[in-house]
Amino acid sequence: MFDLIIIGAGPAGMSASVYASKANLNTLLIESDTPGGLLNKINKIDNYLGFKNISGSDLAFNMYEHVRSEGIILKHEKVLGIKKENGFKVITNKNEYNTKKIIIAIGRKPMKTGIPGETEYNKKGISYCAICDSHLYKDKDVVVIGDDSLAYNEALYLNDICSTVTFITNNKDIKSDKINIINSNVKEFIGNDILTGVVLENNETIKCSAAFIYKGYMTEVSFLKDLNIINDKGNIDVDDRYETHEKGIYAVGDIINKKVYQIATAVSDGCNAALNVKTDIINEK
């Protein structure tokens, strides 16, 4: 039996695995895809302390190498379910593993709009994170596409950095005297090698250097269906110790309900959760 199984090898999961290893916990890390998660899709990172300019894939590789140096067991398998049985049983497409504790670190992915040009100009003007990429468009014209208050808040954030911000939304209840709001759908993203504008449903073209898309997030949580830990937003609520409603199961990183989603906060989540797991295991002896 493992002391801890961590599901997901993004920054949060890998951080948790390193701290668990240092705490002498018998740990298994399970990842169905490439370690690093969404890091591998980021061209440039310059706001993670200690790395002034690094690609997401390089940072992910550095984290993975750190995990390997600790001798942590990593299995490339897909988790299909979790059962409460002699602690917990984690069922994958290849094996079944018993463990005392679980940390869920499966992350999330931004929902795509399906608008023509979105894939073509991804990372070439289309972004899904204002905090991550706003510096690339300082003093330039950008658009934000979204329909809720979170998307509008991202537009406000960009308004202090970019030359102009146009918020394109279907939500007619959102009003602003700070940024330009257009109630419309986007018909198409256009450009050459990089994005140069968006075409609205009335065929009007809005010129821009970037389009920030906020249509919500999605993640694969079907394997958690037997546990009462997914909220109505599709993520996981945790307490101040990162424990879910199910005692013995913790969650970290982008899958949890929190205010700031960044690499630094994910790494912090993983650290704290692993240390809390160690404390709980000691107290239960």
C-alpha atoms as a PDB file:
ATOM      1  CA  MET A   1       0.000   0.000   0.000  1.00  0.00           C
ATOM      2  CA  PHE A   2       1.188   3.502  -0.812  1.00  0.00           C
ATOM      3  CA  ASP A   3       1.087   6.307   1.727  1.00  0.00           C
ATOM      4  CA  LEU A   4       0.039   8.712  -1.013  1.00  0.00           C
ATOM      5  CA  ILE A   5      -1.080   8.597  -4.618  1.00  0.00           C
ATOM      6  CA  ILE A   6      -0.976  11.847  -6.577  1.00  0.00           C
ATOM      7  CA  ILE A   7      -3.162  11.987  -9.680  1.00  0.00           C
ATOM      8  CA  GLY A   8      -1.804  14.493 -12.185  1.00  0.00           C
ATOM      9  CA  ALA A   9       1.771  15.554 -12.940  1.00  0.00           C
ATOM     10  CA  GLY A  10       1.403  19.251 -13.614  1.00  0.00           C
ATOM     11  CA  PRO A  11       3.257  21.818 -11.473  1.00  0.00           C
ATOM     12  CA  ALA A  12       0.959  21.172  -8.485  1.00  0.00           C
ATOM     13  CA  GLY A  13       1.227  17.392  -8.664  1.00  0.00           C
ATOM     14  CA  MET A  14       4.976  17.357  -9.225  1.00  0.00           C
ATOM     15  CA  SER A  15       5.501  19.832  -6.375  1.00  0.00           C
ATOM     16  CA  ALA A  16       3.421  17.619  -4.089  1.00  0.00           C
ATOM     17  CA  SER A  17       5.435  14.560  -5.106  1.00  0.00           C
ATOM     18  CA  VAL A  18       8.774  16.198  -4.283  1.00  0.00           C
ATOM     19  CA  TYR A  19       7.598  17.389  -0.860  1.00  0.00           C
ATOM     20  CA  ALA A  20       6.040  13.987  -0.174  1.00  0.00           C
ATOM     21  CA  SER A  21       9.315  12.304  -1.065  1.00  0.00           C
ATOM     22  CA  LYS A  22      11.257  14.637   1.227  1.00  0.00           C
ATOM     23  CA  ALA A  23       8.755  13.748   3.981  1.00  0.00           C
ATOM     24  CA  ASN A  24       9.579  10.049   3.444  1.00  0.00           C
ATOM     25  CA  LEU A  25       6.111   9.149   2.179  1.00  0.00           C
ATOM     26  CA  ASN A  26       5.802   6.114  -0.090  1.00  0.00           C
ATOM     27  CA  THR A  27       4.397   7.981  -3.072  1.00  0.00           C
ATOM     28  CA  LEU A  28       3.023   7.099  -6.498  1.00  0.00           C
ATOM     29  CA  LEU A  29       2.521   9.783  -9.156  1.00  0.00           C
ATOM     30  CA  ILE A  30       0.067   8.966 -11.965  1.00  0.00           C
ATOM     31  CA  GLU A  31      -0.187  10.951 -15.207  1.00  0.00           C
ATOM     32  CA  SER A  32      -2.049   9.983 -18.378  1.00  0.00           C
ATOM     33  CA  ASP A  33      -0.385  12.589 -20.586  1.00  0.00           C
ATOM     34  CA  THR A  34       2.873  14.538 -20.743  1.00  0.00           C
ATOM     35  CA  PRO A  35       4.221  15.714 -17.349  1.00  0.00           C
ATOM     36  CA  GLY A  36       3.803  19.458 -17.027  1.00  0.00           C
ATOM     37  CA  GLY A  37       0.244  19.685 -18.315  1.00  0.00           C
ATOM     38  CA  LEU A  38      -0.606  23.091 -19.772  1.00  0.00           C
ATOM     39  CA  LEU A  39       2.981  24.276 -19.207  1.00  0.00           C
ATOM     40  CA  ASN A  40       3.886  22.441 -22.393  1.00  0.00           C
ATOM     41  CA  LYS A  41       1.568  24.717 -24.381  1.00  0.00           C
ATOM     42  CA  ILE A  42       3.042  28.025 -23.132  1.00  0.00           C
ATOM     43  CA  ASN A  43       5.644  29.653 -25.359  1.00  0.00           C
ATOM     44  CA  LYS A  44       7.266  31.988 -22.850  1.00  0.00           C
ATOM     45  CA  ILE A  45       7.247  32.310 -19.064  1.00  0.00           C
ATOM     46  CA  ASP A  46       8.880  35.278 -17.360  1.00  0.00           C
ATOM     47  CA  ASN A  47       6.936  35.626 -14.098  1.00  0.00           C
ATOM     48  CA  TYR A  48       8.027  32.442 -12.301  1.00  0.00           C
ATOM     49  CA  LEU A  49      10.691  33.276  -9.752  1.00  0.00           C
ATOM     50  CA  GLY A  50      14.163  32.112 -10.668  1.00  0.00           C
ATOM     51  CA  PHE A  51      13.407  31.812 -14.394  1.00  0.00           C
ATOM     52  CA  LYS A  52      13.505  35.203 -16.094  1.00  0.00           C
ATOM     53  CA  ASN A  53      12.778  33.779 -19.532  1.00  0.00           C
ATOM     54  CA  ILE A  54      11.968  30.135 -20.158  1.00  0.00           C
ATOM     55  CA  SER A  55       9.591  28.209 -22.381  1.00  0.00           C
ATOM     56  CA  GLY A  56       6.789  26.308 -20.717  1.00  0.00           C
ATOM     57  CA  SER A  57       8.043  22.998 -22.093  1.00  0.00           C
ATOM     58  CA  ASP A  58      11.548  23.632 -20.706  1.00  0.00           C
ATOM     59  CA  LEU A  59      10.166  24.504 -17.276  1.00  0.00           C
ATOM     60  CA  ALA A  60       7.991  21.387 -17.350  1.00  0.00           C
ATOM     61  CA  PHE A  61      11.040  19.279 -18.253  1.00  0.00           C
ATOM     62  CA  ASN A  62      13.065  20.818 -15.399  1.00  0.00           C
ATOM     63  CA  MET A  63      10.271  19.986 -12.954  1.00  0.00           C
ATOM     64  CA  TYR A  64      10.029  16.446 -14.323  1.00  0.00           C
ATOM     65  CA  GLU A  65      13.788  15.944 -13.991  1.00  0.00           C
ATOM     66  CA  HIS A  66      13.555  17.093 -10.377  1.00  0.00           C
ATOM     67  CA  VAL A  67      10.835  14.511  -9.741  1.00  0.00           C
ATOM     68  CA  ARG A  68      12.921  11.766 -11.359  1.00  0.00           C
ATOM     69  CA  SER A  69      15.950  12.721  -9.266  1.00  0.00           C
ATOM     70  CA  GLU A  70      13.915  11.995  -6.131  1.00  0.00           C
ATOM     71  CA  GLY A  71      13.263   8.440  -7.288  1.00  0.00           C
ATOM     72  CA  ILE A  72       9.487   8.987  -7.255  1.00  0.00           C
ATOM     73  CA  ILE A  73       7.478   6.269  -8.981  1.00  0.00           C
ATOM     74  CA  LEU A  74       5.660   7.695 -12.020  1.00  0.00           C
ATOM     75  CA  LYS A  75       3.095   5.632 -13.902  1.00  0.00           C
ATOM     76  CA  HIS A  76       1.751   6.721 -17.302  1.00  0.00           C
ATOM     77  CA  GLU A  77      -1.786   5.436 -16.835  1.00  0.00           C
ATOM     78  CA  LYS A  78      -5.313   6.816 -16.947  1.00  0.00           C
ATOM     79  CA  VAL A  79      -7.295   6.819 -13.713  1.00  0.00           C
ATOM     80  CA  LEU A  80     -10.764   5.336 -14.245  1.00  0.00           C
ATOM     81  CA  GLY A  81     -12.121   5.426 -10.719  1.00  0.00           C
ATOM     82  CA  ILE A  82     -11.515   5.674  -6.980  1.00  0.00           C
ATOM     83  CA  LYS A  83     -13.103   3.413  -4.384  1.00  0.00           C
ATOM     84  CA  LYS A  84     -13.120   3.687  -0.614  1.00  0.00           C
ATOM     85  CA  GLU A  85     -11.665   0.307   0.239  1.00  0.00           C
ATOM     86  CA  ASN A  86      -9.012  -0.317   2.899  1.00  0.00           C
ATOM     87  CA  GLY A  87      -8.159   3.368   2.632  1.00  0.00           C
ATOM     88  CA  PHE A  88      -8.607   4.006  -1.072  1.00  0.00           C
ATOM     89  CA  LYS A  89      -8.267   1.963  -4.214  1.00  0.00           C
ATOM     90  CA  VAL A  90      -7.223   3.834  -7.367  1.00  0.00           C
ATOM     91  CA  ILE A  91      -8.265   1.990 -10.514  1.00  0.00           C
ATOM     92  CA  THR A  92      -6.434   2.774 -13.765  1.00  0.00           C
ATOM     93  CA  ASN A  93      -6.618   1.372 -17.286  1.00  0.00           C
ATOM     94  CA  LYS A  94      -3.736  -0.947 -16.378  1.00  0.00           C
ATOM     95  CA  ASN A  95      -3.657  -1.574 -12.617  1.00  0.00           C
ATOM     96  CA  GLU A  96      -5.239  -1.108  -9.223  1.00  0.00           C
ATOM     97  CA  TYR A  97      -3.360   0.589  -6.377  1.00  0.00           C
ATOM     98  CA  ASN A  98      -4.146   0.857  -2.669  1.00  0.00           C
ATOM     99  CA  THR A  99      -3.254   3.997  -0.770  1.00  0.00           C
ATOM    100  CA  LYS A 100      -3.846   5.764   2.515  1.00  0.00           C
ATOM    101  CA  LYS A 101      -4.239   9.241   1.004  1.00  0.00           C
ATOM    102  CA  ILE A 102      -4.864  10.812  -2.400  1.00  0.00           C
ATOM    103  CA  ILE A 103      -3.994  14.213  -3.854  1.00  0.00           C
ATOM    104  CA  ILE A 104      -5.931  15.165  -6.994  1.00  0.00           C
ATOM    105  CA  ALA A 105      -3.949  17.507  -9.250  1.00  0.00           C
ATOM    106  CA  ILE A 106      -5.571  16.991 -12.645  1.00  0.00           C
ATOM    107  CA  GLY A 107      -5.674  20.664 -13.656  1.00  0.00           C
ATOM    108  CA  ARG A 108      -8.094  22.138 -16.159  1.00  0.00           C
ATOM    109  CA  LYS A 109      -8.154  23.316 -19.752  1.00  0.00           C
ATOM    110  CA  PRO A 110      -9.699  26.465 -21.244  1.00  0.00           C
ATOM    111  CA  MET A 111     -12.785  25.794 -23.328  1.00  0.00           C
ATOM    112  CA  LYS A 112     -12.359  26.526 -27.018  1.00  0.00           C
ATOM    113  CA  THR A 113     -14.877  28.590 -28.976  1.00  0.00           C
ATOM    114  CA  GLY A 114     -14.633  26.710 -32.253  1.00  0.00           C
ATOM    115  CA  ILE A 115     -14.445  30.025 -34.108  1.00  0.00           C
ATOM    116  CA  PRO A 116     -12.538  29.735 -37.417  1.00  0.00           C
ATOM    117  CA  GLY A 117      -8.917  30.802 -36.940  1.00  0.00           C
ATOM    118  CA  GLU A 118      -8.778  29.999 -33.220  1.00  0.00           C
ATOM    119  CA  THR A 119      -6.441  27.035 -33.668  1.00  0.00           C
ATOM    120  CA  GLU A 120      -4.392  28.738 -36.385  1.00  0.00           C
ATOM    121  CA  TYR A 121      -3.638  31.822 -34.274  1.00  0.00           C
ATOM    122  CA  ASN A 122      -3.294  30.106 -30.904  1.00  0.00           C
ATOM    123  CA  LYS A 123      -0.075  31.493 -29.365  1.00  0.00           C
ATOM    124  CA  LYS A 124       0.110  33.868 -32.322  1.00  0.00           C
ATOM    125  CA  GLY A 125      -2.208  36.477 -30.875  1.00  0.00           C
ATOM    126  CA  ILE A 126      -4.837  34.300 -29.227  1.00  0.00           C
ATOM    127  CA  SER A 127      -4.400  33.789 -25.493  1.00  0.00           C
ATOM    128  CA  TYR A 128      -6.424  32.323 -22.646  1.00  0.00           C
ATOM    129  CA  CYS A 129      -4.584  34.056 -19.776  1.00  0.00           C
ATOM    130  CA  ALA A 130      -4.240  37.816 -19.278  1.00  0.00           C
ATOM    131  CA  ILE A 131      -1.844  37.544 -16.336  1.00  0.00           C
ATOM    132  CA  CYS A 132       0.390  35.203 -18.329  1.00  0.00           C
ATOM    133  CA  ASP A 133       0.547  37.113 -21.604  1.00  0.00           C
ATOM    134  CA  SER A 134      -0.475  40.738 -21.001  1.00  0.00           C
ATOM    135  CA  HIS A 135       3.146  41.947 -21.045  1.00  0.00           C
ATOM    136  CA  LEU A 136       3.452  40.755 -24.648  1.00  0.00           C
ATOM    137  CA  TYR A 137       0.837  43.308 -25.692  1.00  0.00           C
ATOM    138  CA  LYS A 138       1.811  46.344 -23.654  1.00  0.00           C
ATOM    139  CA  ASP A 139       0.540  49.530 -25.330  1.00  0.00           C
ATOM    140  CA  LYS A 140      -1.185  47.524 -28.079  1.00  0.00           C
ATOM    141  CA  ASP A 141      -4.846  47.096 -29.030  1.00  0.00           C
ATOM    142  CA  VAL A 142      -6.507  43.908 -27.792  1.00  0.00           C
ATOM    143  CA  VAL A 143      -9.945  42.340 -27.528  1.00  0.00           C
ATOM    144  CA  VAL A 144     -11.422  40.186 -24.794  1.00  0.00           C
ATOM    145  CA  ILE A 145     -14.110  37.626 -25.609  1.00  0.00           C
ATOM    146  CA  GLY A 146     -16.359  36.358 -22.826  1.00  0.00           C
ATOM    147  CA  ASP A 147     -19.755  36.554 -21.205  1.00  0.00           C
ATOM    148  CA  ASP A 148     -19.316  36.730 -17.437  1.00  0.00           C
ATOM    149  CA  SER A 149     -17.889  38.989 -14.752  1.00  0.00           C
ATOM    150  CA  LEU A 150     -14.621  37.047 -14.655  1.00  0.00           C
ATOM    151  CA  ALA A 151     -14.028  37.784 -18.324  1.00  0.00           C
ATOM    152  CA  TYR A 152     -14.866  41.451 -17.729  1.00  0.00           C
ATOM    153  CA  ASN A 153     -12.401  41.579 -14.819  1.00  0.00           C
ATOM    154  CA  GLU A 154      -9.711  40.244 -17.147  1.00  0.00           C
ATOM    155  CA  ALA A 155     -10.554  43.067 -19.544  1.00  0.00           C
ATOM    156  CA  LEU A 156     -10.148  45.589 -16.729  1.00  0.00           C
ATOM    157  CA  TYR A 157      -6.784  44.056 -15.840  1.00  0.00           C
ATOM    158  CA  LEU A 158      -5.613  44.431 -19.434  1.00  0.00           C
ATOM    159  CA  ASN A 159      -6.914  48.003 -19.572  1.00  0.00           C
ATOM    160  CA  ASP A 160      -4.052  49.145 -17.324  1.00  0.00           C
ATOM    161  CA  ILE A 161      -1.473  47.574 -19.639  1.00  0.00           C
ATOM    162  CA  CYS A 162      -2.742  47.733 -23.202  1.00  0.00           C
ATOM    163  CA  SER A 163      -3.455  50.766 -25.351  1.00  0.00           C
ATOM    164  CA  THR A 164      -7.120  49.872 -25.913  1.00  0.00           C
ATOM    165  CA  VAL A 165      -9.311  46.990 -24.783  1.00  0.00           C
ATOM    166  CA  THR A 166     -12.543  46.026 -26.531  1.00  0.00           C
ATOM    167  CA  PHE A 167     -14.780  43.611 -24.651  1.00  0.00           C
ATOM    168  CA  ILE A 168     -16.877  41.467 -27.022  1.00  0.00           C
ATOM    169  CA  THR A 169     -19.731  39.755 -25.209  1.00  0.00           C
ATOM    170  CA  ASN A 170     -23.257  38.387 -25.472  1.00  0.00           C
ATOM    171  CA  ASN A 171     -24.018  39.580 -21.947  1.00  0.00           C
ATOM    172  CA  LYS A 172     -25.984  42.819 -22.354  1.00  0.00           C
ATOM    173  CA  ASP A 173     -26.091  43.303 -18.578  1.00  0.00           C
ATOM    174  CA  ILE A 174     -22.393  44.175 -18.454  1.00  0.00           C
ATOM    175  CA  LYS A 175     -21.870  47.939 -18.715  1.00  0.00           C
ATOM    176  CA  SER A 176     -18.658  49.945 -18.440  1.00  0.00           C
ATOM    177  CA  ASP A 177     -17.379  53.488 -18.631  1.00  0.00           C
ATOM    178  CA  LYS A 178     -13.759  52.254 -18.654  1.00  0.00           C
ATOM    179  CA  ILE A 179     -13.579  50.029 -21.729  1.00  0.00           C
ATOM    180  CA  ASN A 180     -15.423  49.701 -25.020  1.00  0.00           C
ATOM    181  CA  ILE A 181     -18.082  46.959 -25.004  1.00  0.00           C
ATOM    182  CA  ILE A 182     -19.551  45.399 -28.129  1.00  0.00           C
ATOM    183  CA  ASN A 183     -22.507  43.040 -27.857  1.00  0.00           C
ATOM    184  CA  SER A 184     -21.852  40.547 -30.605  1.00  0.00           C
ATOM    185  CA  ASN A 185     -20.475  37.142 -31.549  1.00  0.00           C
ATOM    186  CA  VAL A 186     -17.094  36.734 -33.196  1.00  0.00           C
ATOM    187  CA  LYS A 187     -17.410  35.228 -36.654  1.00  0.00           C
ATOM    188  CA  GLU A 188     -13.728  34.719 -37.467  1.00  0.00           C
ATOM    189  CA  PHE A 189     -10.155  35.423 -36.385  1.00  0.00           C
ATOM    190  CA  ILE A 190      -8.028  36.882 -39.188  1.00  0.00           C
ATOM    191  CA  GLY A 191      -4.377  37.643 -39.850  1.00  0.00           C
ATOM    192  CA  ASN A 192      -1.297  36.562 -41.743  1.00  0.00           C
ATOM    193  CA  ASP A 193       1.432  34.852 -39.729  1.00  0.00           C
ATOM    194  CA  ILE A 194      -0.052  36.428 -36.598  1.00  0.00           C
ATOM    195  CA  LEU A 195      -3.486  37.643 -35.544  1.00  0.00           C
ATOM    196  CA  THR A 196      -4.433  41.082 -36.859  1.00  0.00           C
ATOM    197  CA  GLY A 197      -8.143  41.260 -36.073  1.00  0.00           C
ATOM    198  CA  VAL A 198     -11.511  39.682 -35.409  1.00  0.00           C
ATOM    199  CA  VAL A 199     -14.572  39.733 -37.653  1.00  0.00           C
ATOM    200  CA  LEU A 200     -17.931  40.191 -35.938  1.00  0.00           C
ATOM    201  CA  GLU A 201     -21.220  38.593 -36.965  1.00  0.00           C
ATOM    202  CA  ASN A 202     -22.208  41.782 -38.821  1.00  0.00           C
ATOM    203  CA  ASN A 203     -18.911  41.483 -40.784  1.00  0.00           C
ATOM    204  CA  GLU A 204     -17.362  44.460 -38.964  1.00  0.00           C
ATOM    205  CA  THR A 205     -13.621  43.971 -38.431  1.00  0.00           C
ATOM    206  CA  ILE A 206     -11.975  44.973 -35.147  1.00  0.00           C
ATOM    207  CA  LYS A 207      -8.225  45.344 -35.589  1.00  0.00           C
ATOM    208  CA  CYS A 208      -6.164  43.997 -32.698  1.00  0.00           C
ATOM    209  CA  SER A 209      -2.817  42.492 -31.791  1.00  0.00           C
ATOM    210  CA  ALA A 210      -4.332  39.917 -29.444  1.00  0.00           C
ATOM    211  CA  ALA A 211      -7.620  38.250 -28.558  1.00  0.00           C
ATOM    212  CA  PHE A 212      -8.019  36.976 -24.993  1.00  0.00           C
ATOM    213  CA  ILE A 213     -10.674  34.264 -24.803  1.00  0.00           C
ATOM    214  CA  TYR A 214     -12.592  33.476 -21.583  1.00  0.00           C
ATOM    215  CA  LYS A 215     -15.335  30.935 -22.173  1.00  0.00           C
ATOM    216  CA  GLY A 216     -14.796  28.895 -19.043  1.00  0.00           C
ATOM    217  CA  TYR A 217     -12.768  25.781 -18.284  1.00  0.00           C
ATOM    218  CA  MET A 218     -13.251  22.059 -18.535  1.00  0.00           C
ATOM    219  CA  THR A 219     -11.594  19.007 -17.042  1.00  0.00           C
ATOM    220  CA  GLU A 220     -12.097  15.264 -17.016  1.00  0.00           C
ATOM    221  CA  VAL A 221     -13.700  14.436 -13.669  1.00  0.00           C
ATOM    222  CA  SER A 222     -15.750  11.352 -14.555  1.00  0.00           C
ATOM    223  CA  PHE A 223     -13.431   9.137 -12.508  1.00  0.00           C
ATOM    224  CA  LEU A 224     -14.536  11.075  -9.415  1.00  0.00           C
ATOM    225  CA  LYS A 225     -18.230  10.342  -9.937  1.00  0.00           C
ATOM    226  CA  ASP A 226     -18.451   8.023  -6.911  1.00  0.00           C
ATOM    227  CA  LEU A 227     -17.082  10.734  -4.609  1.00  0.00           C
ATOM    228  CA  ASN A 228     -19.062  13.784  -3.537  1.00  0.00           C
ATOM    229  CA  ILE A 229     -16.319  16.334  -4.164  1.00  0.00           C
ATOM    230  CA  ILE A 230     -17.134  18.060  -7.499  1.00  0.00           C
ATOM    231  CA  ASN A 231     -19.076  21.311  -7.124  1.00  0.00           C
ATOM    232  CA  ASP A 232     -21.604  22.747  -9.576  1.00  0.00           C
ATOM    233  CA  LYS A 233     -18.834  24.688 -11.354  1.00  0.00           C
ATOM    234  CA  GLY A 234     -16.986  21.497 -12.189  1.00  0.00           C
ATOM    235  CA  ASN A 235     -14.085  22.051  -9.809  1.00  0.00           C
ATOM    236  CA  ILE A 236     -13.302  20.964  -6.249  1.00  0.00           C
ATOM    237  CA  ASP A 237     -13.831  22.841  -3.003  1.00  0.00           C
ATOM    238  CA  VAL A 238     -11.123  22.342  -0.389  1.00  0.00           C
ATOM    239  CA  ASP A 239     -10.539  23.611   3.133  1.00  0.00           C
ATOM    240  CA  ASP A 240      -7.491  25.582   4.259  1.00  0.00           C
ATOM    241  CA  ARG A 241      -5.528  22.306   4.423  1.00  0.00           C
ATOM    242  CA  TYR A 242      -6.459  21.375   0.837  1.00  0.00           C
ATOM    243  CA  GLU A 243      -8.646  18.507   2.014  1.00  0.00           C
ATOM    244  CA  THR A 244     -11.912  17.855   0.177  1.00  0.00           C
ATOM    245  CA  HIS A 245     -15.281  16.893   1.637  1.00  0.00           C
ATOM    246  CA  GLU A 246     -14.025  13.316   1.461  1.00  0.00           C
ATOM    247  CA  LYS A 247     -11.603  12.828   4.350  1.00  0.00           C
ATOM    248  CA  GLY A 248      -8.257  11.571   3.121  1.00  0.00           C
ATOM    249  CA  ILE A 249      -8.615  13.044  -0.362  1.00  0.00           C
ATOM    250  CA  TYR A 250      -6.933  16.370  -1.067  1.00  0.00           C
ATOM    251  CA  ALA A 251      -6.922  18.524  -4.203  1.00  0.00           C
ATOM    252  CA  VAL A 252      -4.479  21.130  -5.514  1.00  0.00           C
ATOM    253  CA  GLY A 253      -3.739  23.353  -8.490  1.00  0.00           C
ATOM    254  CA  ASP A 254      -6.137  24.494 -11.178  1.00  0.00           C
ATOM    255  CA  ILE A 255      -8.831  21.929 -10.349  1.00  0.00           C
ATOM    256  CA  ILE A 256      -9.654  23.594  -7.015  1.00  0.00           C
ATOM    257  CA  ASN A 257     -11.853  26.612  -6.414  1.00  0.00           C
ATOM    258  CA  LYS A 258      -9.519  29.565  -5.718  1.00  0.00           C
ATOM    259  CA  LYS A 259      -8.880  33.148  -6.773  1.00  0.00           C
ATOM    260  CA  VAL A 260      -5.495  33.007  -8.523  1.00  0.00           C
ATOM    261  CA  TYR A 261      -4.495  30.361 -11.072  1.00  0.00           C
ATOM    262  CA  GLN A 262      -0.760  30.614 -11.697  1.00  0.00           C
ATOM    263  CA  ILE A 263       2.258  28.297 -11.748  1.00  0.00           C
ATOM    264  CA  ALA A 264       3.459  29.750  -8.449  1.00  0.00           C
ATOM    265  CA  THR A 265       0.157  29.141  -6.680  1.00  0.00           C
ATOM    266  CA  ALA A 266      -0.071  25.598  -8.074  1.00  0.00           C
ATOM    267  CA  VAL A 267       3.400  24.762  -6.763  1.00  0.00           C
ATOM    268  CA  SER A 268       2.458  26.257  -3.377  1.00  0.00           C
ATOM    269  CA  ASP A 269      -0.751  24.205  -3.288  1.00  0.00           C
ATOM    270  CA  GLY A 270       1.193  21.000  -3.891  1.00  0.00           C
ATOM    271  CA  CYS A 271       3.740  21.799  -1.203  1.00  0.00           C
ATOM    272  CA  ASN A 272       1.138  22.553   1.448  1.00  0.00           C
ATOM    273  CA  ALA A 273      -1.060  19.575   0.650  1.00  0.00           C
ATOM    274  CA  ALA A 274       1.834  17.106   0.812  1.00  0.00           C
ATOM    275  CA  LEU A 275       2.968  18.468   4.172  1.00  0.00           C
ATOM    276  CA  ASN A 276      -0.602  18.241   5.471  1.00  0.00           C
ATOM    277  CA  VAL A 277      -0.824  14.626   4.291  1.00  0.00           C
ATOM    278  CA  LYS A 278       2.360  13.834   6.229  1.00  0.00           C
ATOM    279  CA  THR A 279       0.942  15.469   9.375  1.00  0.00           C
ATOM    280  CA  ASP A 280      -2.329  13.564   9.066  1.00  0.00           C
ATOM    281  CA  ILE A 281      -0.604  10.214   8.581  1.00  0.00           C
ATOM    282  CA  ILE A 282       1.553  10.832  11.683  1.00  0.00           C
ATOM    283  CA  ASN A 283      -1.501  11.813  13.746  1.00  0.00           C
ATOM    284  CA  GLU A 284      -3.404   8.712  12.663  1.00  0.00           C
ATOM    285  CA  LYS A 285      -0.743   6.288  13.888  1.00  0.00           C
END
